Protein backbone atom coordinates (compact mmCIF):
# COMPACT_ATOMS: atom_id res chain seq x y z
CA UNK A 1 2.36 -31.21 2.21
CA UNK A 2 4.58 -33.98 3.59
CA UNK A 3 8.19 -32.80 3.73
CA UNK A 4 11.38 -34.51 4.94
CA UNK A 5 14.17 -32.18 6.03
CA UNK A 6 17.62 -33.73 6.20
CA UNK A 7 19.86 -31.89 8.67
CA UNK A 8 19.01 -30.09 11.91
CA UNK A 9 21.61 -27.36 11.54
CA UNK A 10 20.77 -23.67 11.33
CA UNK A 11 19.30 -23.81 7.83
CA UNK A 12 17.38 -27.02 8.54
CA UNK A 13 15.98 -25.58 11.75
CA UNK A 14 14.92 -22.34 10.04
CA UNK A 15 13.16 -24.26 7.27
CA UNK A 16 11.43 -26.52 9.82
CA UNK A 17 10.26 -23.50 11.86
CA UNK A 18 8.90 -21.75 8.80
CA UNK A 19 7.12 -24.74 7.30
CA UNK A 20 5.79 -26.21 10.55
CA UNK A 21 3.88 -22.98 11.22
CA UNK A 22 2.03 -23.47 7.91
CA UNK A 23 0.37 -26.79 8.74
CA UNK A 24 2.79 -28.98 6.79
CA UNK A 25 3.68 -32.50 7.90
CA UNK A 26 7.39 -32.14 8.73
CA UNK A 27 9.94 -34.83 9.61
CA UNK A 28 13.52 -33.83 10.40
CA UNK A 29 16.35 -36.38 10.07
CA UNK A 30 19.75 -35.88 11.73
CA UNK A 31 22.48 -37.92 13.40
CA UNK A 32 22.48 -35.64 16.46
CA UNK A 33 19.71 -36.68 18.91
CA UNK A 34 20.33 -33.63 21.14
CA UNK A 35 19.60 -31.17 18.32
CA UNK A 36 16.51 -33.16 17.32
CA UNK A 37 15.19 -33.22 20.91
CA UNK A 38 15.62 -29.45 21.17
CA UNK A 39 13.81 -28.96 17.86
CA UNK A 40 10.94 -31.26 18.81
CA UNK A 41 10.46 -29.40 22.09
CA UNK A 42 9.85 -26.18 20.17
CA UNK A 43 7.93 -27.38 17.12
CA UNK A 44 5.08 -29.71 16.28
CA UNK A 45 7.17 -32.01 14.07
CA UNK A 46 8.49 -35.57 13.91
CA UNK A 47 12.19 -36.38 14.21
CA UNK A 48 14.26 -39.40 13.18
CA UNK A 49 17.81 -40.03 14.43
CA UNK A 50 19.94 -41.53 11.68
CA UNK A 51 21.91 -41.03 8.49
CA UNK A 52 19.82 -39.61 5.68
CA UNK A 53 21.80 -41.51 3.05
CA UNK A 54 20.53 -44.85 4.45
CA UNK A 55 17.39 -46.05 2.71
CA UNK A 56 16.09 -47.57 5.95
CA UNK A 57 16.24 -44.17 7.64
CA UNK A 58 14.45 -42.44 4.75
CA UNK A 59 11.79 -45.14 4.75
CA UNK A 60 11.27 -44.65 8.49
CA UNK A 61 10.95 -40.90 7.86
CA UNK A 62 8.10 -41.57 5.43
CA UNK A 63 9.88 -41.18 2.08
CA UNK A 64 7.48 -43.61 0.39
CA UNK A 65 4.68 -41.03 0.43
CA UNK A 66 6.64 -37.79 0.92
CA UNK A 67 6.04 -34.82 -1.40
CA UNK A 68 9.47 -33.27 -0.96
CA UNK A 69 12.99 -33.85 0.40
CA UNK A 70 15.01 -30.82 1.48
CA UNK A 71 18.60 -31.91 2.13
CA UNK A 72 20.47 -29.34 4.26
CA UNK A 73 23.10 -31.52 5.96
CA UNK A 74 26.60 -30.13 6.55
CA UNK A 75 28.25 -32.21 3.81
CA UNK A 76 27.43 -31.66 0.13
CA UNK A 77 27.95 -35.34 -0.63
CA UNK A 78 25.35 -36.36 1.96
CA UNK A 79 22.75 -34.04 0.43
CA UNK A 80 23.40 -35.22 -3.11
CA UNK A 81 23.30 -38.91 -2.28
CA UNK A 82 20.14 -38.49 -0.19
CA UNK A 83 18.40 -36.83 -3.17
CA UNK A 84 19.48 -39.65 -5.46
CA UNK A 85 18.14 -42.33 -3.09
CA UNK A 86 14.90 -40.39 -2.55
CA UNK A 87 14.34 -40.26 -6.31
CA UNK A 88 15.41 -43.75 -7.35
CA UNK A 89 14.09 -45.81 -4.44
CA UNK A 90 11.11 -43.80 -3.24
CA UNK A 91 10.17 -41.58 -6.20
CA UNK A 92 9.93 -38.46 -4.02
CA UNK A 93 8.53 -35.84 -6.47
CA UNK A 94 10.72 -32.86 -5.50
CA UNK A 95 14.33 -32.97 -4.23
CA UNK A 96 16.25 -29.89 -3.06
CA UNK A 97 19.92 -29.99 -2.03
CA UNK A 98 21.99 -27.38 -0.26
CA UNK A 99 25.57 -27.29 -1.48
CA UNK A 100 28.63 -25.24 -0.59
CA UNK A 101 31.37 -26.23 -3.06
CA UNK A 102 31.28 -24.21 -6.29
CA UNK A 103 32.56 -27.29 -8.11
CA UNK A 104 29.17 -28.95 -7.61
CA UNK A 105 27.38 -25.86 -8.91
CA UNK A 106 29.31 -26.04 -12.16
CA UNK A 107 29.13 -29.83 -12.53
CA UNK A 108 26.60 -30.59 -15.32
CA UNK A 109 25.35 -33.95 -13.99
CA UNK A 110 24.33 -32.90 -10.48
CA UNK A 111 20.77 -32.05 -11.44
CA UNK A 112 18.36 -34.14 -13.47
CA UNK A 113 18.10 -37.84 -14.24
CA UNK A 114 21.31 -39.77 -14.73
CA UNK A 115 23.11 -37.73 -12.08
CA UNK A 116 22.04 -37.11 -8.49
CA UNK A 117 18.41 -36.42 -9.41
CA UNK A 118 18.44 -33.00 -7.74
CA UNK A 119 15.63 -30.70 -8.88
CA UNK A 120 16.97 -27.53 -7.26
CA UNK A 121 20.38 -26.57 -5.86
CA UNK A 122 20.64 -24.02 -3.06
CA UNK A 123 23.98 -22.40 -2.19
CA UNK A 124 23.70 -20.30 1.02
CA UNK A 125 27.12 -18.69 0.62
CA UNK A 126 26.28 -17.40 -2.86
CA UNK A 127 22.84 -16.23 -1.72
CA UNK A 128 24.37 -14.21 1.14
CA UNK A 129 27.03 -12.82 -1.21
CA UNK A 130 24.40 -11.62 -3.67
CA UNK A 131 22.38 -10.15 -0.81
CA UNK A 132 25.36 -8.12 0.46
CA UNK A 133 26.20 -6.94 -3.07
CA UNK A 134 22.76 -5.33 -3.35
CA UNK A 135 23.25 -3.58 0.01
CA UNK A 136 26.57 -2.21 -1.24
CA UNK A 137 24.88 -0.88 -4.39
CA UNK A 138 22.08 0.78 -2.35
CA UNK A 139 23.88 1.99 0.82
CA UNK A 140 20.78 3.69 2.28
CA UNK A 141 18.78 0.44 2.39
CA UNK A 142 18.35 -2.09 5.18
CA UNK A 143 17.12 -4.73 2.74
CA UNK A 144 17.03 -4.91 -1.07
CA UNK A 145 14.90 -7.59 -2.71
CA UNK A 146 14.17 -8.02 -6.40
CA UNK A 147 11.20 -9.43 -8.30
CA UNK A 148 10.36 -10.11 -11.95
CA UNK A 149 13.99 -10.60 -12.96
CA UNK A 150 15.04 -7.31 -11.38
CA UNK A 151 12.27 -5.10 -12.83
CA UNK A 152 10.74 -4.37 -9.40
CA UNK A 153 12.50 -3.85 -6.07
CA UNK A 154 11.21 -4.05 -2.52
CA UNK A 155 13.32 -1.78 -0.34
CA UNK A 156 13.43 -1.47 3.44
CA UNK A 157 14.78 1.86 4.68
CA UNK A 158 14.83 3.73 7.97
CA UNK A 159 13.04 7.07 7.90
CA UNK A 160 15.40 9.98 8.49
CA UNK A 161 14.31 12.76 10.87
CA UNK A 162 15.24 15.46 8.35
CA UNK A 163 13.81 13.57 5.37
CA UNK A 164 11.05 15.24 3.27
CA UNK A 165 8.49 12.60 4.32
CA UNK A 166 9.30 12.56 8.06
CA UNK A 167 6.24 13.40 10.17
CA UNK A 168 4.17 13.60 7.00
CA UNK A 169 1.37 11.32 5.71
CA UNK A 170 2.29 8.70 3.12
CA UNK A 171 -0.05 10.24 0.53
CA UNK A 172 2.38 13.17 0.17
CA UNK A 173 4.97 10.86 -1.36
CA UNK A 174 3.20 11.09 -4.72
CA UNK A 175 3.02 14.89 -4.49
CA UNK A 176 6.78 15.11 -3.85
CA UNK A 177 7.70 12.86 -6.79
CA UNK A 178 4.72 13.02 -9.18
CA UNK A 179 6.53 11.27 -12.05
CA UNK A 180 7.35 8.19 -9.95
CA UNK A 181 4.77 5.60 -8.93
CA UNK A 182 5.60 3.68 -5.75
CA UNK A 183 3.77 1.91 -2.95
CA UNK A 184 4.54 1.78 0.76
CA UNK A 185 3.47 -1.78 1.63
CA UNK A 186 4.48 -1.94 5.29
CA UNK A 187 5.77 0.12 8.14
CA UNK A 188 7.38 -1.18 11.31
CA UNK A 189 7.59 1.04 14.37
CA UNK A 190 9.86 -0.80 16.75
CA UNK A 191 8.45 -4.33 16.79
CA UNK A 192 4.93 -3.18 15.88
CA UNK A 193 3.68 -3.78 12.34
CA UNK A 194 1.49 -1.10 10.76
CA UNK A 195 -0.45 -1.76 7.56
CA UNK A 196 -0.27 1.69 5.99
CA UNK A 197 -2.78 3.79 4.09
CA UNK A 198 -2.55 7.31 2.71
CA UNK A 199 -3.18 8.90 6.11
CA UNK A 200 -0.47 6.94 7.94
CA UNK A 201 2.21 9.26 9.30
CA UNK A 202 5.86 8.37 8.74
CA UNK A 203 7.78 8.95 11.96
CA UNK A 204 11.58 9.20 12.30
CA UNK A 205 13.26 5.78 12.70
CA UNK A 206 10.28 3.93 11.22
CA UNK A 207 11.34 0.98 9.09
CA UNK A 208 9.55 1.57 5.79
CA UNK A 209 9.07 -1.09 3.10
CA UNK A 210 8.20 0.25 -0.35
CA UNK A 211 7.83 -1.20 -3.85
CA UNK A 212 8.89 0.62 -6.99
CA UNK A 213 10.32 -0.04 -10.41
CA UNK A 214 14.03 -0.71 -9.84
CA UNK A 215 14.98 2.29 -11.96
CA UNK A 216 13.08 4.59 -9.55
CA UNK A 217 14.24 3.37 -6.14
CA UNK A 218 16.88 6.10 -5.65
CA UNK A 219 14.26 8.83 -6.07
CA UNK A 220 11.93 7.23 -3.54
CA UNK A 221 14.78 6.72 -1.09
CA UNK A 222 15.51 10.42 -1.32
CA UNK A 223 12.13 11.11 0.32
CA UNK A 224 12.88 8.84 3.29
CA UNK A 225 16.63 8.83 3.87
CA UNK A 226 19.72 10.88 3.77
CA UNK A 227 21.27 9.94 0.43
CA UNK A 228 24.70 8.47 1.03
CA UNK A 229 27.69 8.84 -1.23
CA UNK A 230 28.48 5.66 -3.20
CA UNK A 231 30.51 2.99 -1.44
CA UNK A 232 34.12 2.85 -2.62
CA UNK A 233 36.26 1.65 0.31
CA UNK A 234 35.34 -1.67 1.92
CA UNK A 235 36.98 -3.68 4.70
CA UNK A 236 35.95 -7.34 5.14
CA UNK A 237 36.61 -9.29 8.33
CA UNK A 238 36.84 -13.00 7.56
CA UNK A 239 38.23 -14.76 4.51
CA UNK A 240 36.02 -17.85 4.62
CA UNK A 241 33.70 -18.97 1.84
CA UNK A 242 31.51 -15.87 1.95
CA UNK A 243 34.41 -13.45 2.41
CA UNK A 244 36.20 -14.98 -0.59
CA UNK A 245 33.08 -14.99 -2.77
CA UNK A 246 32.29 -11.38 -1.91
CA UNK A 247 35.86 -10.19 -2.52
CA UNK A 248 35.85 -11.92 -5.90
CA UNK A 249 32.49 -10.38 -6.79
CA UNK A 250 33.69 -6.88 -5.86
CA UNK A 251 36.79 -7.34 -8.02
CA UNK A 252 38.57 -4.13 -8.92
CA UNK A 253 35.44 -1.95 -8.79
CA UNK A 254 36.08 -1.15 -5.11
CA UNK A 255 39.06 -0.62 -2.81
CA UNK A 256 38.93 -3.82 -0.76
CA UNK A 257 40.85 -4.93 2.33
CA UNK A 258 40.22 -8.37 3.82
CA UNK A 259 41.37 -9.47 7.29
CA UNK A 260 41.92 -13.18 8.00
CA UNK A 261 43.30 -14.72 11.22
CA UNK A 262 44.63 -17.92 9.61
CA UNK A 263 48.00 -17.44 7.86
CA UNK A 264 47.55 -20.34 5.44
CA UNK A 265 44.15 -19.05 4.42
CA UNK A 266 45.71 -15.61 3.82
CA UNK A 267 48.13 -17.16 1.34
CA UNK A 268 45.24 -18.88 -0.44
CA UNK A 269 43.19 -15.67 -0.55
CA UNK A 270 46.10 -13.75 -2.01
CA UNK A 271 46.39 -16.34 -4.79
CA UNK A 272 42.68 -16.16 -5.62
CA UNK A 273 41.96 -12.43 -5.47
CA UNK A 274 42.97 -9.49 -7.70
CA UNK A 275 46.28 -7.86 -6.85
CA UNK A 276 44.39 -4.68 -5.92
CA UNK A 277 42.74 -6.51 -2.99
CA UNK A 278 44.85 -6.16 0.16
CA UNK A 279 44.91 -9.35 2.26
CA UNK A 280 45.80 -8.71 5.93
CA UNK A 281 46.84 -11.37 8.44
CA UNK A 282 45.39 -10.53 11.84
CA UNK A 283 42.46 -10.48 14.24
CA UNK A 284 39.52 -8.30 13.19
CA UNK A 285 38.77 -7.51 16.86
CA UNK A 286 42.27 -6.00 17.28
CA UNK A 287 41.64 -2.28 17.74
CA UNK A 288 45.25 -1.41 16.92
CA UNK A 289 45.12 -3.33 13.62
CA UNK A 290 41.86 -1.66 12.62
CA UNK A 291 43.30 1.74 13.45
CA UNK A 292 46.53 1.09 11.54
CA UNK A 293 44.54 0.01 8.47
CA UNK A 294 42.42 3.20 8.56
CA UNK A 295 39.07 1.57 9.30
CA UNK A 296 37.78 5.07 10.08
CA UNK A 297 38.08 5.94 6.39
CA UNK A 298 36.01 2.95 5.24
CA UNK A 299 32.61 3.47 3.65
CA UNK A 300 31.65 -0.03 4.73
CA UNK A 301 32.95 -2.60 7.21
CA UNK A 302 31.56 -6.14 6.82
CA UNK A 303 32.17 -8.87 9.41
CA UNK A 304 31.82 -12.33 7.86
CA UNK A 305 33.67 -14.71 10.19
CA UNK A 306 32.03 -17.87 11.57
CA UNK A 307 32.07 -16.43 15.11
CA UNK A 308 29.03 -14.28 16.00
CA UNK A 309 30.71 -12.63 18.97
CA UNK A 310 33.77 -11.66 16.93
CA UNK A 311 31.57 -10.25 14.18
CA UNK A 312 29.60 -8.16 16.65
CA UNK A 313 32.69 -6.88 18.46
CA UNK A 314 34.65 -6.05 15.30
CA UNK A 315 31.66 -4.14 13.88
CA UNK A 316 31.20 -2.16 17.08
CA UNK A 317 34.90 -1.36 17.13
CA UNK A 318 34.89 -0.34 13.47
CA UNK A 319 31.88 1.91 14.04
CA UNK A 320 33.48 3.56 17.06
CA UNK A 321 36.66 4.15 15.07
CA UNK A 322 34.72 5.96 12.36
CA UNK A 323 33.57 3.45 9.73
CA UNK A 324 30.55 4.99 7.98
CA UNK A 325 28.42 1.83 7.91
CA UNK A 326 28.85 -1.67 9.34
CA UNK A 327 27.22 -5.00 8.45
CA UNK A 328 27.54 -8.12 10.60
CA UNK A 329 26.83 -11.73 9.75
CA UNK A 330 25.09 -13.23 12.81
CA UNK A 331 23.98 -16.86 12.85
CA UNK A 332 21.98 -16.69 16.07
CA UNK A 333 18.70 -14.95 15.35
CA UNK A 334 18.34 -13.80 18.98
CA UNK A 335 21.67 -11.95 18.67
CA UNK A 336 20.59 -10.39 15.37
CA UNK A 337 17.34 -9.13 16.92
CA UNK A 338 19.34 -7.47 19.71
CA UNK A 339 21.91 -5.90 17.39
CA UNK A 340 19.68 -4.62 14.57
CA UNK A 341 19.29 -0.86 14.86
CA UNK A 342 22.08 -0.52 17.45
CA UNK A 343 25.59 0.54 16.51
CA UNK A 344 25.43 -2.24 13.93
CA UNK A 345 23.57 -0.90 10.91
CA UNK A 346 22.53 -4.25 9.42
CA UNK A 347 22.56 -7.73 10.96
CA UNK A 348 22.29 -10.56 8.43
CA UNK A 349 21.09 -14.02 9.47
CA UNK A 350 22.32 -16.40 6.73
CA UNK A 351 19.62 -19.01 7.33
CA UNK A 352 16.88 -16.38 6.94
CA UNK A 353 18.52 -15.00 3.81
CA UNK A 354 18.66 -18.47 2.27
CA UNK A 355 15.19 -19.63 3.25
CA UNK A 356 13.47 -17.56 0.58
CA UNK A 357 15.06 -19.71 -2.12
CA UNK A 358 13.81 -22.86 -0.45
CA UNK A 359 10.32 -21.49 0.12
CA UNK A 360 9.98 -20.65 -3.58
CA UNK A 361 9.89 -24.39 -4.30
CA UNK A 362 7.53 -25.19 -1.42
CA UNK A 363 4.82 -22.61 -2.07
CA UNK A 364 1.69 -23.89 -3.80
CA UNK A 365 0.42 -22.21 -6.95
CA UNK A 366 2.75 -20.72 -9.53
CA UNK A 367 5.07 -18.87 -7.11
CA UNK A 368 8.33 -17.79 -8.75
CA UNK A 369 10.00 -15.83 -5.93
CA UNK A 370 9.75 -15.68 -2.15
CA UNK A 371 11.61 -13.34 0.19
CA UNK A 372 11.68 -13.52 3.97
CA UNK A 373 11.45 -10.13 5.70
CA UNK A 374 12.15 -8.87 9.18
CA UNK A 375 14.06 -12.09 10.01
CA UNK A 376 11.13 -14.31 9.12
CA UNK A 377 8.23 -12.33 10.60
CA UNK A 378 6.89 -11.17 7.23
CA UNK A 379 7.12 -12.39 3.67
CA UNK A 380 6.84 -11.11 0.12
CA UNK A 381 6.17 -13.32 -2.86
CA UNK A 382 5.77 -13.11 -6.61
CA UNK A 383 2.95 -15.25 -8.04
CA UNK A 384 1.72 -15.65 -11.61
CA UNK A 385 -2.02 -15.23 -12.16
CA UNK A 386 -3.45 -17.98 -14.38
CA UNK A 387 -6.91 -18.75 -15.70
CA UNK A 388 -9.91 -16.52 -16.38
CA UNK A 389 -12.61 -14.86 -14.24
CA UNK A 390 -14.46 -18.18 -14.00
CA UNK A 391 -11.53 -20.33 -12.86
CA UNK A 392 -9.44 -17.80 -10.91
CA UNK A 393 -10.16 -15.77 -7.78
CA UNK A 394 -7.89 -12.92 -8.95
CA UNK A 395 -7.93 -12.74 -12.77
CA UNK A 396 -10.32 -10.16 -14.20
CA UNK A 397 -10.90 -8.56 -10.81
CA UNK A 398 -9.98 -5.18 -9.41
CA UNK A 399 -7.70 -5.23 -6.39
CA UNK A 400 -10.54 -3.98 -4.18
CA UNK A 401 -12.67 -6.99 -5.24
CA UNK A 402 -10.12 -9.60 -4.16
CA UNK A 403 -10.67 -11.19 -0.76
CA UNK A 404 -7.17 -10.59 0.59
CA UNK A 405 -6.40 -11.85 4.13
CA UNK A 406 -5.88 -9.25 6.83
CA UNK A 407 -2.38 -7.77 6.78
CA UNK A 408 -1.89 -8.66 3.10
CA UNK A 409 -1.38 -6.20 0.27
CA UNK A 410 -0.87 -6.48 -3.48
CA UNK A 411 1.87 -3.96 -4.13
CA UNK A 412 2.79 -4.23 -7.80
CA UNK A 413 2.12 -6.09 -11.04
CA UNK A 414 4.56 -6.85 -13.84
CA UNK A 415 2.79 -7.35 -17.17
CA UNK A 416 4.34 -8.51 -20.43
CA UNK A 417 3.01 -6.50 -23.36
CA UNK A 418 2.32 -7.65 -26.91
CA UNK A 419 5.79 -6.39 -27.85
CA UNK A 420 7.37 -8.67 -25.22
CA UNK A 421 8.44 -5.76 -23.01
CA UNK A 422 7.73 -5.82 -19.28
CA UNK A 423 5.57 -3.10 -17.78
CA UNK A 424 5.71 -2.32 -14.05
CA UNK A 425 2.31 -1.32 -12.64
CA UNK A 426 2.10 -0.13 -9.04
CA UNK A 427 -1.17 -1.56 -7.74
CA UNK A 428 -4.09 0.68 -6.76
CA UNK A 429 -7.60 -0.22 -5.63
CA UNK A 430 -8.97 -0.16 -9.21
CA UNK A 431 -6.09 -2.02 -10.89
CA UNK A 432 -7.39 -5.10 -12.75
CA UNK A 433 -5.30 -8.29 -12.77
CA UNK A 434 -4.95 -9.97 -16.16
CA UNK A 435 -3.94 -13.55 -17.05
CA UNK A 436 -0.18 -14.19 -16.76
CA UNK A 437 0.44 -11.05 -14.68
CA UNK A 438 3.26 -11.39 -12.15
CA UNK A 439 1.66 -10.21 -8.91
CA UNK A 440 3.84 -9.10 -5.98
CA UNK A 441 2.16 -9.66 -2.63
CA UNK A 442 3.32 -8.46 0.79
CA UNK A 443 2.27 -10.35 3.93
CA UNK A 444 2.85 -8.68 7.29
CA UNK A 445 1.93 -12.02 8.89
CA UNK A 446 3.19 -15.08 7.03
CA UNK A 447 0.53 -17.23 8.71
CA UNK A 448 -1.81 -15.87 6.06
CA UNK A 449 0.19 -17.62 3.32
CA UNK A 450 -2.13 -20.62 2.81
CA UNK A 451 -5.01 -18.23 2.06
CA UNK A 452 -2.89 -16.26 -0.41
CA UNK A 453 -1.75 -19.47 -2.12
CA UNK A 454 -5.37 -20.54 -2.58
CA UNK A 455 -6.18 -17.23 -4.26
CA UNK A 456 -3.67 -17.99 -7.00
CA UNK A 457 -4.69 -21.61 -7.56
CA UNK A 458 -7.00 -22.09 -10.51
CA UNK A 459 -10.07 -24.30 -10.32
CA UNK A 460 -9.93 -27.75 -11.92
CA UNK A 461 -12.29 -26.53 -14.61
CA UNK A 462 -9.49 -24.36 -16.00
CA UNK A 463 -7.66 -27.46 -17.19
């Protein structure tokens, strides 16, 4: 696939890294030649220095025969105009724009013909906000991802030394909770990936990924983790776009304190948030301020400033002062890799959180959801099975008959019954895939994606 990426910022770079490893023809356009040179040194891609809203630059980047434009520049207006030019002058089939301002999200003429000709809008701040909300709702989890409109959840959790399944084989999970069907799809021991089977032992501190119907995830977590009390008291460091969105989303359901260093921004936050939300003017790395505001009594401390170092330091301080759990937003992936599993409970890389939305529109076949795992090392996707046994490599076949690439596992199926209700089926070796099933696939190595995509593409004879 020939793809033009506009913008060599963090999101643009993450998208380029992910797609370049999958044998796509990638061209990145940016006004900063230094960033482009750095990117070209690391990846097998083409780069063009210039403004993506200029038709001459897009033509030079190959827009005339491009399959997709992904506009991730810093300014919303740049992304929207670039999509419009790509559609009207070059007829690029698919246009994706990253936006930040909520006003553009609500504006009815942004997408479609007659407006900016944007096929899909991506808002990183809202994606990260939704991601954190799920972690608040499931405090034991390291990652919470949903499929099939929330019917199935993929949960990452760290095995607890005193947990019922610690130092026990995975097969005993079913014996412990016989009324709940679940599937452990991956296990990470340090940086080593283990494709599990029933005999695989779960060791303390293993990072375990399991699939289950969303209604059952608490019961499965009880076998792996120490069940935490619900989160009630939350302190947020940083009142920027994400901090404001999260505080609004939490509303009056939680006791929320938000710390912001800029006095003017504090005034704005106070005018936008419920009166029950306490807005504090100060530095989140100030130990005295954190102590005075009882950070030690917080169920959760979340650092969301634009400064990685401040986020790391404030989280470490909060943890030392007694905060039960801390989450840090970290833009540099190398920092996140260092911090994950240390005194910081969860390190979130915004670009990696957002990339799943973008990849959903890039994947071939009828892929409706993509989630990036382990900061891009692994991936999980939801694909719809079409066709019949003659035209499809998966329909009408048992799981054991499907030629899955190494390190790939079908974990669950969501099937719509004759009554219109969705049925969650945890996949076993003899489970048969039917037409229109939503199949959830886990890939320990995302380099196997092209092979998985081909499995779900129907032969021409189907049409």
